[in-house]
Amino acid sequence: MPEVLGLADRVLVLREGRVVHTAPARELDEHRVLDLVMEGSPQGGSPMEGIPAS
């Protein structure tokens, strides 16, 4: 992951097929990306409906 962030200009983080975050790669680290993948909600939207909490 650090190598990918080092090469990328921009990162789009997906969760369950939806974009949950987009940002310049320099603003993210691998921990933030993983947090967004695991807990993110779509940008500009509300938390995903219809998905049971675990």
N, C-alpha and C. Protein backbone atom coordinates (compact mmCIF):
# COMPACT_ATOMS: atom_id res chain seq x y z
N MET A 1 0.81 -1.20 0.00
CA MET A 1 0.00 0.00 0.00
C MET A 1 0.86 1.27 0.00
N PRO A 2 1.92 1.38 0.80
CA PRO A 2 2.72 2.60 0.77
C PRO A 2 3.29 2.90 -0.63
N GLU A 3 3.66 1.84 -1.37
CA GLU A 3 4.20 2.03 -2.71
C GLU A 3 3.13 2.60 -3.64
N VAL A 4 1.92 2.11 -3.52
CA VAL A 4 0.82 2.60 -4.36
C VAL A 4 0.55 4.07 -4.04
N LEU A 5 0.48 4.41 -2.78
CA LEU A 5 0.24 5.81 -2.40
C LEU A 5 1.38 6.71 -2.86
N GLY A 6 2.60 6.17 -2.89
CA GLY A 6 3.75 6.94 -3.35
C GLY A 6 3.72 7.21 -4.85
N LEU A 7 3.10 6.33 -5.61
CA LEU A 7 3.02 6.49 -7.07
C LEU A 7 1.78 7.25 -7.52
N ALA A 8 0.73 7.20 -6.74
CA ALA A 8 -0.56 7.76 -7.15
C ALA A 8 -0.61 9.27 -6.94
N ASP A 9 -1.37 9.94 -7.79
CA ASP A 9 -1.66 11.36 -7.59
C ASP A 9 -2.95 11.53 -6.79
N ARG A 10 -3.91 10.67 -7.09
CA ARG A 10 -5.23 10.76 -6.47
C ARG A 10 -5.71 9.36 -6.11
N VAL A 11 -6.45 9.26 -5.01
CA VAL A 11 -6.94 7.97 -4.54
C VAL A 11 -8.46 8.02 -4.42
N LEU A 12 -9.11 7.00 -4.98
CA LEU A 12 -10.54 6.80 -4.78
C LEU A 12 -10.68 5.55 -3.94
N VAL A 13 -11.34 5.66 -2.81
CA VAL A 13 -11.53 4.52 -1.92
C VAL A 13 -12.93 3.98 -2.15
N LEU A 14 -13.03 2.68 -2.43
CA LEU A 14 -14.30 2.03 -2.68
C LEU A 14 -14.67 1.13 -1.51
N ARG A 15 -15.96 1.07 -1.24
CA ARG A 15 -16.49 0.13 -0.26
C ARG A 15 -17.78 -0.40 -0.82
N GLU A 16 -17.87 -1.71 -0.96
CA GLU A 16 -19.06 -2.37 -1.49
C GLU A 16 -19.49 -1.75 -2.81
N GLY A 17 -18.52 -1.45 -3.67
CA GLY A 17 -18.80 -0.94 -5.00
C GLY A 17 -19.13 0.54 -5.08
N ARG A 18 -19.02 1.25 -3.98
CA ARG A 18 -19.32 2.69 -3.97
C ARG A 18 -18.09 3.48 -3.55
N VAL A 19 -17.93 4.65 -4.16
CA VAL A 19 -16.84 5.55 -3.77
C VAL A 19 -17.19 6.15 -2.42
N VAL A 20 -16.32 5.92 -1.43
CA VAL A 20 -16.56 6.47 -0.10
C VAL A 20 -15.66 7.66 0.20
N HIS A 21 -14.60 7.82 -0.60
CA HIS A 21 -13.71 8.96 -0.38
C HIS A 21 -12.82 9.13 -1.60
N THR A 22 -12.51 10.36 -1.92
CA THR A 22 -11.54 10.68 -2.95
C THR A 22 -10.69 11.84 -2.44
N ALA A 23 -9.37 11.72 -2.64
CA ALA A 23 -8.46 12.75 -2.12
C ALA A 23 -7.11 12.62 -2.81
N PRO A 24 -6.32 13.69 -2.78
CA PRO A 24 -4.94 13.56 -3.25
C PRO A 24 -4.21 12.52 -2.40
N ALA A 25 -3.38 11.71 -3.03
CA ALA A 25 -2.69 10.63 -2.33
C ALA A 25 -1.83 11.17 -1.18
N ARG A 26 -1.29 12.35 -1.33
CA ARG A 26 -0.42 12.91 -0.28
C ARG A 26 -1.17 13.19 1.02
N GLU A 27 -2.51 13.24 0.96
CA GLU A 27 -3.32 13.50 2.16
C GLU A 27 -3.70 12.23 2.90
N LEU A 28 -3.36 11.06 2.36
CA LEU A 28 -3.78 9.80 2.96
C LEU A 28 -2.58 8.94 3.32
N ASP A 29 -2.75 8.11 4.34
CA ASP A 29 -1.78 7.06 4.61
C ASP A 29 -2.54 5.74 4.60
N GLU A 30 -1.81 4.63 4.69
CA GLU A 30 -2.48 3.35 4.54
C GLU A 30 -3.51 3.09 5.64
N HIS A 31 -3.28 3.61 6.83
CA HIS A 31 -4.24 3.41 7.92
C HIS A 31 -5.56 4.14 7.63
N ARG A 32 -5.46 5.36 7.10
CA ARG A 32 -6.66 6.12 6.77
C ARG A 32 -7.44 5.44 5.64
N VAL A 33 -6.74 4.94 4.63
CA VAL A 33 -7.40 4.24 3.53
C VAL A 33 -8.15 3.03 4.06
N LEU A 34 -7.50 2.24 4.89
CA LEU A 34 -8.15 1.04 5.44
C LEU A 34 -9.34 1.41 6.32
N ASP A 35 -9.21 2.48 7.11
CA ASP A 35 -10.36 2.94 7.92
C ASP A 35 -11.54 3.30 7.02
N LEU A 36 -11.27 3.99 5.92
CA LEU A 36 -12.33 4.38 5.00
C LEU A 36 -12.97 3.17 4.33
N VAL A 37 -12.17 2.18 3.97
CA VAL A 37 -12.71 0.97 3.35
C VAL A 37 -13.62 0.23 4.32
N MET A 38 -13.21 0.17 5.58
CA MET A 38 -13.97 -0.60 6.56
C MET A 38 -15.18 0.15 7.11
N GLU A 39 -15.12 1.47 7.20
CA GLU A 39 -16.17 2.22 7.90
C GLU A 39 -16.76 3.37 7.12
N GLY A 40 -16.28 3.65 5.93
CA GLY A 40 -16.70 4.84 5.20
C GLY A 40 -18.14 4.80 4.74
N SER A 41 -18.70 5.97 4.51
CA SER A 41 -20.00 6.10 3.87
C SER A 41 -19.79 6.90 2.59
N PRO A 42 -20.66 6.79 1.60
CA PRO A 42 -20.46 7.51 0.35
C PRO A 42 -20.30 9.00 0.59
N GLN A 43 -19.37 9.63 -0.14
CA GLN A 43 -19.13 11.06 0.00
C GLN A 43 -20.39 11.83 -0.32
N GLY A 44 -20.68 12.80 0.51
CA GLY A 44 -21.83 13.64 0.28
C GLY A 44 -23.15 12.96 0.57
N GLY A 45 -23.10 11.76 1.08
CA GLY A 45 -24.34 11.03 1.33
C GLY A 45 -24.43 10.60 2.77
N SER A 46 -25.50 9.94 3.07
CA SER A 46 -25.70 9.42 4.41
C SER A 46 -25.16 8.00 4.47
N PRO A 47 -25.00 7.44 5.66
CA PRO A 47 -24.54 6.05 5.74
C PRO A 47 -25.43 5.14 4.92
N MET A 48 -24.85 4.10 4.41
CA MET A 48 -25.59 3.18 3.54
C MET A 48 -26.78 2.56 4.25
N GLU A 49 -27.90 2.61 3.59
CA GLU A 49 -29.11 2.03 4.15
C GLU A 49 -29.25 0.60 3.68
N GLY A 50 -29.91 -0.20 4.46
CA GLY A 50 -30.18 -1.57 4.06
C GLY A 50 -29.06 -2.54 4.33
N ILE A 51 -27.98 -2.06 4.92
CA ILE A 51 -26.86 -2.94 5.25
C ILE A 51 -26.88 -3.14 6.75
N PRO A 52 -27.08 -4.38 7.21
CA PRO A 52 -27.16 -4.61 8.65
C PRO A 52 -25.83 -4.32 9.35
N ALA A 53 -25.92 -3.76 10.54
CA ALA A 53 -24.73 -3.51 11.34
C ALA A 53 -24.16 -4.83 11.82
N SER A 54 -22.85 -4.86 11.94
CA SER A 54 -22.23 -6.10 12.41
C SER A 54 -21.76 -5.98 13.83
